[in-house]
N, C-alpha and C. Protein backbone atom coordinates (compact mmCIF):
# COMPACT_ATOMS: atom_id res chain seq x y z
N MET A 1 19.66 -8.18 3.55
CA MET A 1 18.38 -7.46 3.14
C MET A 1 17.17 -8.20 3.67
N ALA A 2 16.25 -7.43 4.20
CA ALA A 2 15.03 -7.99 4.75
C ALA A 2 14.18 -8.56 3.60
N GLN A 3 13.54 -9.71 3.85
CA GLN A 3 12.60 -10.23 2.89
C GLN A 3 11.31 -9.44 2.87
N HIS A 4 10.64 -9.55 1.72
CA HIS A 4 9.40 -8.75 1.54
C HIS A 4 8.31 -9.60 1.03
N ILE A 5 7.07 -9.45 1.56
CA ILE A 5 5.88 -10.17 1.16
C ILE A 5 4.87 -9.17 0.69
N ASP A 6 4.43 -9.28 -0.59
CA ASP A 6 3.35 -8.53 -1.08
C ASP A 6 2.07 -9.34 -0.85
N TYR A 7 1.11 -8.76 -0.23
CA TYR A 7 -0.07 -9.49 0.34
C TYR A 7 -1.34 -8.90 -0.34
N TYR A 8 -1.88 -9.70 -1.33
CA TYR A 8 -3.03 -9.22 -2.07
C TYR A 8 -4.30 -9.77 -1.38
N ALA A 9 -5.14 -8.87 -0.87
CA ALA A 9 -6.18 -9.27 -0.02
C ALA A 9 -7.49 -8.68 -0.50
N SER A 10 -8.55 -9.48 -0.30
CA SER A 10 -9.93 -9.05 -0.45
C SER A 10 -10.53 -8.82 0.91
N LEU A 11 -11.12 -7.65 1.15
CA LEU A 11 -11.75 -7.37 2.40
C LEU A 11 -13.09 -8.00 2.57
N ASN A 12 -13.50 -8.83 1.63
CA ASN A 12 -14.76 -9.64 1.68
C ASN A 12 -14.41 -11.10 1.82
N SER A 13 -13.16 -11.49 1.71
CA SER A 13 -12.79 -12.94 1.56
C SER A 13 -12.65 -13.62 2.95
N PRO A 14 -13.38 -14.69 3.10
CA PRO A 14 -13.17 -15.53 4.33
C PRO A 14 -11.79 -16.16 4.36
N TRP A 15 -11.31 -16.44 3.18
CA TRP A 15 -9.95 -17.06 3.12
C TRP A 15 -8.84 -16.13 3.55
N THR A 16 -9.01 -14.87 3.11
CA THR A 16 -8.12 -13.84 3.58
C THR A 16 -8.12 -13.75 5.07
N HIS A 17 -9.36 -13.73 5.63
CA HIS A 17 -9.50 -13.67 7.08
C HIS A 17 -8.87 -14.86 7.78
N LEU A 18 -9.07 -16.05 7.25
CA LEU A 18 -8.51 -17.26 7.86
C LEU A 18 -7.02 -17.29 7.90
N GLY A 19 -6.41 -16.54 6.94
CA GLY A 19 -4.88 -16.47 6.95
C GLY A 19 -4.33 -15.24 7.60
N ALA A 20 -5.16 -14.32 7.99
CA ALA A 20 -4.71 -12.99 8.42
C ALA A 20 -3.70 -13.04 9.57
N ALA A 21 -4.05 -13.69 10.68
CA ALA A 21 -3.14 -13.72 11.82
C ALA A 21 -1.83 -14.49 11.49
N ARG A 22 -1.98 -15.55 10.65
CA ARG A 22 -0.82 -16.35 10.37
C ARG A 22 0.24 -15.69 9.46
N ILE A 23 -0.28 -14.91 8.46
CA ILE A 23 0.75 -14.20 7.58
C ILE A 23 1.36 -13.12 8.42
N GLU A 24 0.69 -12.48 9.31
CA GLU A 24 1.36 -11.48 10.18
C GLU A 24 2.45 -12.17 11.05
N ALA A 25 2.08 -13.33 11.57
CA ALA A 25 2.99 -14.01 12.45
C ALA A 25 4.23 -14.50 11.69
N LEU A 26 4.04 -14.98 10.48
CA LEU A 26 5.15 -15.50 9.65
C LEU A 26 6.10 -14.31 9.31
N ALA A 27 5.54 -13.19 8.89
CA ALA A 27 6.35 -12.05 8.59
C ALA A 27 7.17 -11.60 9.74
N ALA A 28 6.55 -11.59 10.98
CA ALA A 28 7.34 -11.24 12.18
C ALA A 28 8.41 -12.21 12.50
N GLN A 29 8.07 -13.49 12.37
CA GLN A 29 9.01 -14.54 12.74
C GLN A 29 10.20 -14.49 11.81
N HIS A 30 10.04 -14.18 10.57
CA HIS A 30 11.15 -14.16 9.62
C HIS A 30 11.70 -12.76 9.36
N LYS A 31 11.17 -11.78 10.17
CA LYS A 31 11.57 -10.38 10.04
C LYS A 31 11.45 -9.87 8.57
N ALA A 32 10.34 -10.27 7.96
CA ALA A 32 10.05 -9.84 6.64
C ALA A 32 9.07 -8.67 6.68
N THR A 33 9.24 -7.72 5.72
CA THR A 33 8.18 -6.70 5.58
C THR A 33 7.05 -7.23 4.92
N LEU A 34 5.83 -6.71 5.18
CA LEU A 34 4.55 -7.15 4.71
C LEU A 34 3.76 -5.96 4.26
N ARG A 35 3.39 -5.90 3.02
CA ARG A 35 2.63 -4.82 2.42
C ARG A 35 1.33 -5.34 1.90
N ILE A 36 0.22 -4.76 2.33
CA ILE A 36 -1.09 -5.22 1.92
C ILE A 36 -1.60 -4.40 0.70
N TRP A 37 -2.18 -5.14 -0.25
CA TRP A 37 -2.76 -4.54 -1.47
C TRP A 37 -4.21 -4.98 -1.51
N PRO A 38 -5.18 -4.15 -1.01
CA PRO A 38 -6.62 -4.54 -1.05
C PRO A 38 -7.19 -4.21 -2.47
N VAL A 39 -6.80 -4.97 -3.42
CA VAL A 39 -7.21 -4.74 -4.81
C VAL A 39 -8.69 -5.18 -5.06
N ASP A 40 -9.14 -4.87 -6.28
CA ASP A 40 -10.52 -5.18 -6.69
C ASP A 40 -10.51 -6.50 -7.33
N PHE A 41 -10.99 -7.56 -6.61
CA PHE A 41 -10.92 -8.88 -7.13
C PHE A 41 -12.08 -9.18 -8.10
N GLY A 42 -13.07 -8.30 -8.21
CA GLY A 42 -14.01 -8.41 -9.31
C GLY A 42 -13.28 -8.19 -10.63
N THR A 43 -12.43 -7.20 -10.65
CA THR A 43 -11.65 -6.90 -11.89
C THR A 43 -10.64 -7.97 -12.10
N VAL A 44 -10.04 -8.39 -11.03
CA VAL A 44 -9.04 -9.50 -11.12
C VAL A 44 -9.65 -10.72 -11.77
N PHE A 45 -10.84 -11.13 -11.27
CA PHE A 45 -11.50 -12.31 -11.76
C PHE A 45 -11.80 -12.11 -13.29
N ALA A 46 -12.33 -10.92 -13.68
CA ALA A 46 -12.68 -10.63 -15.03
C ALA A 46 -11.45 -10.73 -15.94
N GLY A 47 -10.32 -10.37 -15.43
CA GLY A 47 -9.07 -10.38 -16.23
C GLY A 47 -8.31 -11.65 -16.20
N SER A 48 -8.66 -12.59 -15.27
CA SER A 48 -7.87 -13.81 -15.14
C SER A 48 -8.69 -15.08 -15.43
N GLY A 49 -9.97 -14.88 -15.73
CA GLY A 49 -10.82 -16.05 -16.08
C GLY A 49 -11.57 -16.67 -14.89
N GLY A 50 -11.51 -16.01 -13.68
CA GLY A 50 -12.20 -16.50 -12.53
C GLY A 50 -13.65 -16.04 -12.57
N LEU A 51 -14.38 -16.65 -11.67
CA LEU A 51 -15.85 -16.31 -11.55
C LEU A 51 -16.18 -15.82 -10.17
N PRO A 52 -16.94 -14.76 -10.06
CA PRO A 52 -17.38 -14.34 -8.73
C PRO A 52 -18.28 -15.46 -8.16
N LEU A 53 -18.37 -15.48 -6.83
CA LEU A 53 -19.03 -16.56 -6.15
C LEU A 53 -20.45 -16.85 -6.70
N PRO A 54 -21.37 -15.87 -6.89
CA PRO A 54 -22.68 -16.21 -7.37
C PRO A 54 -22.75 -16.88 -8.73
N LYS A 55 -21.70 -16.75 -9.53
CA LYS A 55 -21.69 -17.35 -10.85
C LYS A 55 -21.02 -18.72 -10.93
N ARG A 56 -20.52 -19.20 -9.78
CA ARG A 56 -19.87 -20.48 -9.75
C ARG A 56 -20.93 -21.55 -9.71
N SER A 57 -20.53 -22.75 -10.15
CA SER A 57 -21.46 -23.87 -10.22
C SER A 57 -21.95 -24.29 -8.85
N PRO A 58 -23.12 -24.91 -8.67
CA PRO A 58 -23.59 -25.30 -7.40
C PRO A 58 -22.62 -26.25 -6.66
N GLN A 59 -21.94 -27.08 -7.49
CA GLN A 59 -20.96 -28.01 -6.87
C GLN A 59 -19.83 -27.24 -6.19
N ARG A 60 -19.37 -26.21 -6.92
CA ARG A 60 -18.21 -25.43 -6.30
C ARG A 60 -18.64 -24.64 -5.13
N GLN A 61 -19.87 -24.14 -5.17
CA GLN A 61 -20.40 -23.32 -4.04
C GLN A 61 -20.57 -24.23 -2.78
N ALA A 62 -21.04 -25.46 -3.03
CA ALA A 62 -21.28 -26.40 -1.95
C ALA A 62 -19.96 -26.83 -1.36
N TYR A 63 -18.93 -27.06 -2.22
CA TYR A 63 -17.59 -27.47 -1.70
C TYR A 63 -16.99 -26.37 -0.92
N ARG A 64 -17.21 -25.11 -1.36
CA ARG A 64 -16.67 -23.97 -0.60
C ARG A 64 -17.19 -23.95 0.81
N MET A 65 -18.46 -24.18 0.95
CA MET A 65 -19.04 -24.24 2.32
C MET A 65 -18.38 -25.33 3.24
N GLN A 66 -18.15 -26.50 2.58
CA GLN A 66 -17.52 -27.58 3.37
C GLN A 66 -16.10 -27.22 3.79
N GLU A 67 -15.40 -26.60 2.83
CA GLU A 67 -13.97 -26.20 3.16
C GLU A 67 -13.93 -25.12 4.18
N LEU A 68 -14.84 -24.15 4.15
CA LEU A 68 -14.88 -23.12 5.16
C LEU A 68 -15.18 -23.71 6.53
N ALA A 69 -16.07 -24.65 6.62
CA ALA A 69 -16.32 -25.34 7.88
C ALA A 69 -15.05 -26.13 8.44
N ARG A 70 -14.40 -26.78 7.52
CA ARG A 70 -13.21 -27.52 7.85
C ARG A 70 -12.16 -26.63 8.41
N TRP A 71 -11.86 -25.52 7.66
CA TRP A 71 -10.80 -24.61 8.12
C TRP A 71 -11.20 -23.86 9.41
N ARG A 72 -12.48 -23.50 9.52
CA ARG A 72 -12.94 -22.84 10.74
C ARG A 72 -12.61 -23.78 11.94
N ASP A 73 -12.95 -25.04 11.79
CA ASP A 73 -12.73 -25.99 12.94
C ASP A 73 -11.23 -26.26 13.13
N HIS A 74 -10.50 -26.37 12.07
CA HIS A 74 -9.09 -26.68 12.16
C HIS A 74 -8.32 -25.53 12.82
N LEU A 75 -8.68 -24.31 12.51
CA LEU A 75 -7.94 -23.10 13.06
C LEU A 75 -8.59 -22.62 14.35
N GLY A 76 -9.80 -23.08 14.61
CA GLY A 76 -10.46 -22.62 15.83
C GLY A 76 -10.91 -21.18 15.77
N LEU A 77 -11.19 -20.68 14.57
CA LEU A 77 -11.72 -19.33 14.39
C LEU A 77 -13.24 -19.37 14.33
N PRO A 78 -13.94 -18.55 15.05
CA PRO A 78 -15.39 -18.65 15.09
C PRO A 78 -16.07 -17.91 13.97
N ILE A 79 -15.78 -18.23 12.75
CA ILE A 79 -16.39 -17.55 11.66
C ILE A 79 -17.85 -17.99 11.43
N ASN A 80 -18.61 -17.03 10.93
CA ASN A 80 -19.97 -17.40 10.46
C ASN A 80 -19.92 -17.74 9.04
N LEU A 81 -20.37 -18.98 8.71
CA LEU A 81 -20.21 -19.47 7.32
C LEU A 81 -21.00 -18.65 6.32
N GLU A 82 -22.17 -18.05 6.79
CA GLU A 82 -22.93 -17.22 5.86
C GLU A 82 -23.28 -15.91 6.62
N PRO A 83 -22.32 -15.05 6.73
CA PRO A 83 -22.54 -13.83 7.51
C PRO A 83 -23.62 -12.95 6.87
N ARG A 84 -24.32 -12.25 7.73
CA ARG A 84 -25.48 -11.48 7.33
C ARG A 84 -25.14 -10.40 6.29
N HIS A 85 -23.96 -9.85 6.32
CA HIS A 85 -23.66 -8.67 5.51
C HIS A 85 -22.67 -9.03 4.40
N PHE A 86 -22.57 -10.28 4.04
CA PHE A 86 -21.64 -10.70 2.98
C PHE A 86 -22.42 -10.82 1.69
N PRO A 87 -21.93 -10.34 0.55
CA PRO A 87 -20.67 -9.51 0.46
C PRO A 87 -20.95 -8.07 0.85
N ALA A 88 -20.08 -7.49 1.55
CA ALA A 88 -20.21 -5.99 1.90
C ALA A 88 -19.58 -5.26 0.72
N ASN A 89 -20.02 -3.99 0.65
CA ASN A 89 -19.35 -3.09 -0.25
C ASN A 89 -18.00 -2.67 0.32
N GLU A 90 -16.94 -3.21 -0.32
CA GLU A 90 -15.66 -2.96 0.39
C GLU A 90 -14.86 -1.83 -0.13
N LEU A 91 -15.43 -1.02 -1.03
CA LEU A 91 -14.65 0.06 -1.59
C LEU A 91 -14.12 1.05 -0.53
N SER A 92 -15.06 1.49 0.30
CA SER A 92 -14.64 2.51 1.31
C SER A 92 -13.59 1.94 2.23
N ALA A 93 -13.70 0.71 2.73
CA ALA A 93 -12.77 0.10 3.57
C ALA A 93 -11.46 -0.06 2.84
N ALA A 94 -11.46 -0.51 1.59
CA ALA A 94 -10.24 -0.66 0.83
C ALA A 94 -9.47 0.67 0.61
N CYS A 95 -10.25 1.69 0.31
CA CYS A 95 -9.64 3.03 0.12
C CYS A 95 -9.07 3.59 1.43
N CYS A 96 -9.74 3.34 2.53
CA CYS A 96 -9.17 3.75 3.88
C CYS A 96 -7.91 2.98 4.14
N ALA A 97 -7.86 1.65 3.77
CA ALA A 97 -6.63 0.88 4.06
C ALA A 97 -5.51 1.40 3.24
N ILE A 98 -5.80 1.73 1.97
CA ILE A 98 -4.75 2.23 1.07
C ILE A 98 -4.25 3.59 1.54
N ALA A 99 -5.18 4.45 1.97
CA ALA A 99 -4.76 5.75 2.52
C ALA A 99 -3.91 5.57 3.70
N LEU A 100 -4.23 4.65 4.60
CA LEU A 100 -3.40 4.39 5.76
C LEU A 100 -2.02 3.83 5.35
N ARG A 101 -2.03 2.97 4.42
CA ARG A 101 -0.75 2.39 3.94
C ARG A 101 0.15 3.48 3.42
N GLU A 102 -0.39 4.39 2.65
CA GLU A 102 0.40 5.38 2.00
C GLU A 102 0.77 6.59 2.91
N THR A 103 0.07 6.82 3.91
CA THR A 103 0.31 7.96 4.79
C THR A 103 0.92 7.57 6.16
N GLN A 104 0.56 6.36 6.67
CA GLN A 104 1.10 5.90 7.96
C GLN A 104 1.91 4.66 7.93
N GLY A 105 1.80 3.91 6.85
CA GLY A 105 2.71 2.73 6.68
C GLY A 105 1.91 1.44 6.71
N ASP A 106 2.64 0.36 6.46
CA ASP A 106 2.05 -0.98 6.29
C ASP A 106 1.29 -1.48 7.56
N ALA A 107 1.88 -1.26 8.68
CA ALA A 107 1.27 -1.83 9.95
C ALA A 107 -0.07 -1.28 10.17
N ALA A 108 -0.25 0.05 10.03
CA ALA A 108 -1.52 0.68 10.26
C ALA A 108 -2.61 0.10 9.31
N ALA A 109 -2.17 -0.03 7.97
CA ALA A 109 -3.15 -0.56 7.00
C ALA A 109 -3.55 -1.98 7.29
N ILE A 110 -2.60 -2.78 7.65
CA ILE A 110 -2.91 -4.24 7.93
C ILE A 110 -3.76 -4.36 9.16
N ARG A 111 -3.51 -3.58 10.19
CA ARG A 111 -4.24 -3.68 11.45
C ARG A 111 -5.73 -3.33 11.07
N PHE A 112 -5.97 -2.32 10.37
CA PHE A 112 -7.32 -1.91 9.99
C PHE A 112 -8.01 -2.99 9.07
N ALA A 113 -7.26 -3.41 8.04
CA ALA A 113 -7.82 -4.37 7.12
C ALA A 113 -8.23 -5.67 7.88
N HIS A 114 -7.41 -6.13 8.77
CA HIS A 114 -7.72 -7.34 9.46
C HIS A 114 -8.84 -7.13 10.46
N ARG A 115 -8.99 -5.91 10.98
CA ARG A 115 -10.12 -5.64 11.87
C ARG A 115 -11.43 -5.65 11.07
N VAL A 116 -11.39 -5.18 9.88
CA VAL A 116 -12.53 -5.23 8.95
C VAL A 116 -12.97 -6.64 8.72
N LEU A 117 -12.05 -7.47 8.37
CA LEU A 117 -12.33 -8.89 8.12
C LEU A 117 -12.95 -9.59 9.28
N LYS A 118 -12.41 -9.40 10.47
CA LYS A 118 -12.90 -9.96 11.67
C LYS A 118 -14.39 -9.48 11.95
N ALA A 119 -14.63 -8.24 11.77
CA ALA A 119 -15.95 -7.67 11.94
C ALA A 119 -16.94 -8.33 11.05
N LEU A 120 -16.57 -8.55 9.77
CA LEU A 120 -17.49 -9.14 8.79
C LEU A 120 -17.70 -10.58 9.09
N TRP A 121 -16.60 -11.38 9.37
CA TRP A 121 -16.79 -12.83 9.39
C TRP A 121 -16.98 -13.41 10.81
N GLU A 122 -16.77 -12.61 11.80
CA GLU A 122 -16.96 -13.15 13.20
C GLU A 122 -17.98 -12.37 13.97
N GLU A 123 -18.31 -11.13 13.61
CA GLU A 123 -19.07 -10.29 14.47
C GLU A 123 -20.42 -9.82 13.78
N GLU A 124 -20.75 -10.28 12.62
CA GLU A 124 -21.95 -9.90 11.93
C GLU A 124 -22.13 -8.38 11.77
N ARG A 125 -21.03 -7.69 11.47
CA ARG A 125 -21.10 -6.22 11.36
C ARG A 125 -21.02 -5.90 9.84
N ASP A 126 -21.71 -4.81 9.43
CA ASP A 126 -21.75 -4.45 8.05
C ASP A 126 -20.56 -3.51 7.75
N THR A 127 -19.54 -4.12 7.18
CA THR A 127 -18.29 -3.31 6.92
C THR A 127 -18.36 -2.44 5.72
N GLY A 128 -19.55 -2.38 5.10
CA GLY A 128 -19.76 -1.36 4.06
C GLY A 128 -20.44 -0.15 4.55
N ASP A 129 -20.75 -0.14 5.80
CA ASP A 129 -21.47 1.01 6.42
C ASP A 129 -20.52 1.99 7.04
N PRO A 130 -20.63 3.30 6.71
CA PRO A 130 -19.69 4.25 7.23
C PRO A 130 -19.62 4.25 8.75
N ALA A 131 -20.73 4.11 9.47
CA ALA A 131 -20.71 4.10 10.94
C ALA A 131 -19.93 2.97 11.44
N THR A 132 -20.07 1.80 10.82
CA THR A 132 -19.30 0.62 11.25
C THR A 132 -17.77 0.89 10.98
N LEU A 133 -17.46 1.42 9.86
CA LEU A 133 -16.00 1.65 9.54
C LEU A 133 -15.50 2.62 10.52
N ALA A 134 -16.28 3.71 10.88
CA ALA A 134 -15.79 4.65 11.86
C ALA A 134 -15.52 3.99 13.20
N ALA A 135 -16.36 3.10 13.59
CA ALA A 135 -16.16 2.38 14.88
C ALA A 135 -14.88 1.51 14.82
N LEU A 136 -14.73 0.84 13.71
CA LEU A 136 -13.54 -0.04 13.55
C LEU A 136 -12.26 0.77 13.50
N LEU A 137 -12.28 1.90 12.85
CA LEU A 137 -11.12 2.74 12.85
C LEU A 137 -10.76 3.24 14.24
N THR A 138 -11.78 3.58 15.04
CA THR A 138 -11.48 3.95 16.39
C THR A 138 -10.94 2.83 17.26
N GLU A 139 -11.43 1.61 16.96
CA GLU A 139 -10.95 0.40 17.70
C GLU A 139 -9.49 0.13 17.43
N VAL A 140 -8.99 0.53 16.24
CA VAL A 140 -7.55 0.30 15.96
C VAL A 140 -6.71 1.54 16.22
N GLY A 141 -7.31 2.50 16.93
CA GLY A 141 -6.53 3.62 17.35
C GLY A 141 -6.44 4.76 16.36
N GLN A 142 -7.31 4.81 15.38
CA GLN A 142 -7.29 5.91 14.39
C GLN A 142 -8.31 6.98 14.69
N ASP A 143 -8.03 8.14 14.15
CA ASP A 143 -9.03 9.21 14.12
C ASP A 143 -10.03 8.86 13.03
N SER A 144 -11.20 8.38 13.44
CA SER A 144 -12.09 7.80 12.43
C SER A 144 -12.58 8.82 11.35
N GLN A 145 -12.93 10.04 11.82
CA GLN A 145 -13.48 10.98 10.82
C GLN A 145 -12.34 11.45 9.90
N GLU A 146 -11.20 11.59 10.38
CA GLU A 146 -10.05 12.01 9.57
C GLU A 146 -9.73 10.95 8.53
N VAL A 147 -9.70 9.72 8.96
CA VAL A 147 -9.37 8.66 8.00
C VAL A 147 -10.52 8.43 6.98
N LEU A 148 -11.73 8.52 7.41
CA LEU A 148 -12.85 8.42 6.46
C LEU A 148 -12.81 9.57 5.46
N ARG A 149 -12.52 10.73 5.92
CA ARG A 149 -12.41 11.86 5.02
C ARG A 149 -11.31 11.69 4.02
N LEU A 150 -10.17 11.22 4.54
CA LEU A 150 -9.00 10.96 3.66
C LEU A 150 -9.27 9.84 2.67
N GLY A 151 -9.92 8.81 3.17
CA GLY A 151 -10.20 7.66 2.31
C GLY A 151 -11.16 7.93 1.21
N ALA A 152 -12.02 8.95 1.38
CA ALA A 152 -12.98 9.38 0.38
C ALA A 152 -12.37 10.14 -0.80
N GLU A 153 -11.12 10.55 -0.66
CA GLU A 153 -10.49 11.26 -1.74
C GLU A 153 -10.29 10.37 -2.96
N ALA A 154 -10.57 10.93 -4.07
CA ALA A 154 -10.65 10.15 -5.37
C ALA A 154 -9.27 9.45 -5.70
N ARG A 155 -8.22 10.02 -5.16
CA ARG A 155 -6.86 9.41 -5.52
C ARG A 155 -6.72 8.00 -5.01
N TRP A 156 -7.45 7.65 -3.96
CA TRP A 156 -7.19 6.29 -3.42
C TRP A 156 -8.02 5.24 -4.21
N ALA A 157 -9.17 5.62 -4.71
CA ALA A 157 -9.87 4.71 -5.62
C ALA A 157 -9.09 4.51 -6.94
N GLU A 158 -8.42 5.65 -7.36
CA GLU A 158 -7.62 5.60 -8.55
C GLU A 158 -6.37 4.69 -8.29
N ARG A 159 -5.81 4.85 -7.14
CA ARG A 159 -4.65 3.96 -6.75
C ARG A 159 -5.06 2.55 -6.70
N ARG A 160 -6.23 2.24 -6.18
CA ARG A 160 -6.68 0.87 -6.12
C ARG A 160 -6.82 0.28 -7.51
N ALA A 161 -7.41 1.05 -8.42
CA ALA A 161 -7.52 0.60 -9.78
C ALA A 161 -6.17 0.30 -10.39
N ALA A 162 -5.21 1.18 -10.17
CA ALA A 162 -3.84 0.95 -10.72
C ALA A 162 -3.21 -0.22 -10.05
N ASP A 163 -3.38 -0.39 -8.72
CA ASP A 163 -2.79 -1.55 -8.07
C ASP A 163 -3.41 -2.86 -8.56
N THR A 164 -4.71 -2.84 -8.87
CA THR A 164 -5.38 -4.01 -9.43
C THR A 164 -4.79 -4.43 -10.77
N GLN A 165 -4.57 -3.44 -11.61
CA GLN A 165 -3.94 -3.78 -12.94
C GLN A 165 -2.53 -4.30 -12.73
N ALA A 166 -1.78 -3.74 -11.80
CA ALA A 166 -0.46 -4.21 -11.54
C ALA A 166 -0.50 -5.62 -10.99
N ALA A 167 -1.52 -5.93 -10.14
CA ALA A 167 -1.61 -7.30 -9.60
C ALA A 167 -1.85 -8.33 -10.75
N LEU A 168 -2.80 -7.94 -11.68
CA LEU A 168 -3.05 -8.83 -12.82
C LEU A 168 -1.75 -9.04 -13.64
N ALA A 169 -1.06 -7.98 -13.91
CA ALA A 169 0.18 -8.08 -14.66
C ALA A 169 1.26 -8.98 -13.99
N ARG A 170 1.17 -9.01 -12.66
CA ARG A 170 2.10 -9.80 -11.91
C ARG A 170 1.74 -11.27 -11.84
N GLY A 171 0.45 -11.55 -12.17
CA GLY A 171 0.07 -12.95 -12.14
C GLY A 171 -0.94 -13.27 -11.02
N VAL A 172 -1.36 -12.28 -10.24
CA VAL A 172 -2.29 -12.57 -9.20
C VAL A 172 -3.71 -12.83 -9.74
N PHE A 173 -4.39 -13.81 -9.22
CA PHE A 173 -5.71 -14.14 -9.73
C PHE A 173 -6.73 -14.53 -8.67
N GLY A 174 -6.36 -14.58 -7.44
CA GLY A 174 -7.33 -14.98 -6.37
C GLY A 174 -6.82 -14.40 -5.07
N ALA A 175 -7.74 -14.48 -4.07
CA ALA A 175 -7.46 -13.90 -2.69
C ALA A 175 -7.47 -15.01 -1.68
N PRO A 176 -6.57 -14.97 -0.72
CA PRO A 176 -5.45 -14.07 -0.71
C PRO A 176 -4.26 -14.58 -1.54
N CYS A 177 -3.44 -13.72 -2.04
CA CYS A 177 -2.18 -14.16 -2.66
C CYS A 177 -1.03 -13.50 -1.97
N TYR A 178 -0.01 -14.29 -1.68
CA TYR A 178 1.21 -13.86 -1.00
C TYR A 178 2.32 -13.99 -2.06
N VAL A 179 3.01 -12.88 -2.33
CA VAL A 179 3.95 -12.90 -3.40
C VAL A 179 5.37 -12.52 -2.80
N ILE A 180 6.33 -13.38 -3.07
CA ILE A 180 7.68 -13.15 -2.54
C ILE A 180 8.58 -13.27 -3.79
N GLY A 181 9.13 -12.14 -4.21
CA GLY A 181 9.93 -12.19 -5.39
C GLY A 181 9.03 -12.60 -6.63
N GLU A 182 9.43 -13.65 -7.29
CA GLU A 182 8.63 -14.17 -8.43
C GLU A 182 7.67 -15.27 -8.01
N ASP A 183 7.68 -15.62 -6.76
CA ASP A 183 6.90 -16.75 -6.31
C ASP A 183 5.53 -16.28 -5.78
N ILE A 184 4.46 -16.88 -6.37
CA ILE A 184 3.12 -16.55 -5.93
C ILE A 184 2.49 -17.73 -5.18
N PHE A 185 1.92 -17.45 -4.01
CA PHE A 185 1.28 -18.44 -3.24
C PHE A 185 -0.21 -18.05 -3.09
N TRP A 186 -1.10 -18.81 -3.68
CA TRP A 186 -2.53 -18.47 -3.67
C TRP A 186 -3.25 -19.24 -2.58
N GLY A 187 -3.84 -18.53 -1.64
CA GLY A 187 -4.69 -19.14 -0.63
C GLY A 187 -4.04 -19.34 0.67
N GLN A 188 -4.77 -19.21 1.74
CA GLN A 188 -4.26 -19.35 3.13
C GLN A 188 -3.84 -20.73 3.36
N ASP A 189 -4.26 -21.72 2.57
CA ASP A 189 -3.82 -23.12 2.70
C ASP A 189 -2.42 -23.30 2.11
N ARG A 190 -1.83 -22.26 1.57
CA ARG A 190 -0.44 -22.28 1.04
C ARG A 190 0.60 -21.65 2.02
N LEU A 191 0.10 -21.27 3.12
CA LEU A 191 1.04 -20.56 4.04
C LEU A 191 2.19 -21.48 4.50
N GLU A 192 2.01 -22.74 4.63
CA GLU A 192 3.18 -23.64 4.86
C GLU A 192 4.25 -23.43 3.85
N PHE A 193 3.87 -23.31 2.57
CA PHE A 193 4.84 -23.08 1.56
C PHE A 193 5.54 -21.72 1.58
N VAL A 194 4.73 -20.70 2.06
CA VAL A 194 5.22 -19.39 2.28
C VAL A 194 6.30 -19.43 3.35
N GLU A 195 6.05 -20.18 4.46
CA GLU A 195 7.00 -20.38 5.52
C GLU A 195 8.25 -21.02 4.94
N LYS A 196 8.14 -22.05 4.18
CA LYS A 196 9.39 -22.70 3.61
C LYS A 196 10.15 -21.78 2.72
N ARG A 197 9.47 -20.97 1.96
CA ARG A 197 10.08 -20.00 1.04
C ARG A 197 10.86 -18.95 1.88
N LEU A 198 10.23 -18.46 2.97
CA LEU A 198 10.95 -17.50 3.81
C LEU A 198 12.14 -18.13 4.48
N GLY A 199 11.98 -19.34 4.94
CA GLY A 199 13.10 -20.04 5.54
C GLY A 199 14.25 -20.35 4.64
N ARG A 200 13.91 -20.67 3.42
CA ARG A 200 14.96 -20.91 2.44
C ARG A 200 15.82 -19.72 2.08
N THR A 201 15.10 -18.55 2.03
CA THR A 201 15.85 -17.31 1.74
C THR A 201 16.74 -16.97 2.91
N ALA A 202 16.22 -17.11 4.13
CA ALA A 202 16.97 -16.80 5.29
C ALA A 202 18.22 -17.62 5.46
N ALA A 203 18.11 -18.93 5.04
CA ALA A 203 19.26 -19.83 5.13
C ALA A 203 20.34 -19.42 4.23
């Protein structure tokens, strides 16, 4: 039986972006299925005791910037540490990703979600803007107007809210989280342990 990774992602998170290519590569390497869940981490934080970035202490905010710079340099990804459009309104992008996941499958949803993250963190694009989302959808081979129309249907926002509650019930509390069976791996800096977990199961 193929292994499966549930991938809880924030489309505003630099940490999700820093791990995006690597979680895709690990899933492919181990022939694991990968399903993205772009849940509402504002609700997740409220339910799990976390704080949104503006409410964190100055010390934690300063350390976050140091860590982003370290990981940017370590991975060689040209992220902007303080992108112009962060935080973007991610609801429309998340709903489009969910609509793609449920109508076209996991690969289409992940391709779009990762394109959104790259646009925000590397290209200074406003991923909360409908025109930007339309361009990004076109870039990943989608009919942009059709997907935007589909993503605007109320059922996908409702699905996101339900997915968010399910994530909390499962123990998810931060982005990104990679869940394999009962094992939760929080953060792109835990991908080495994700790899070991996948390898152990394969053996």
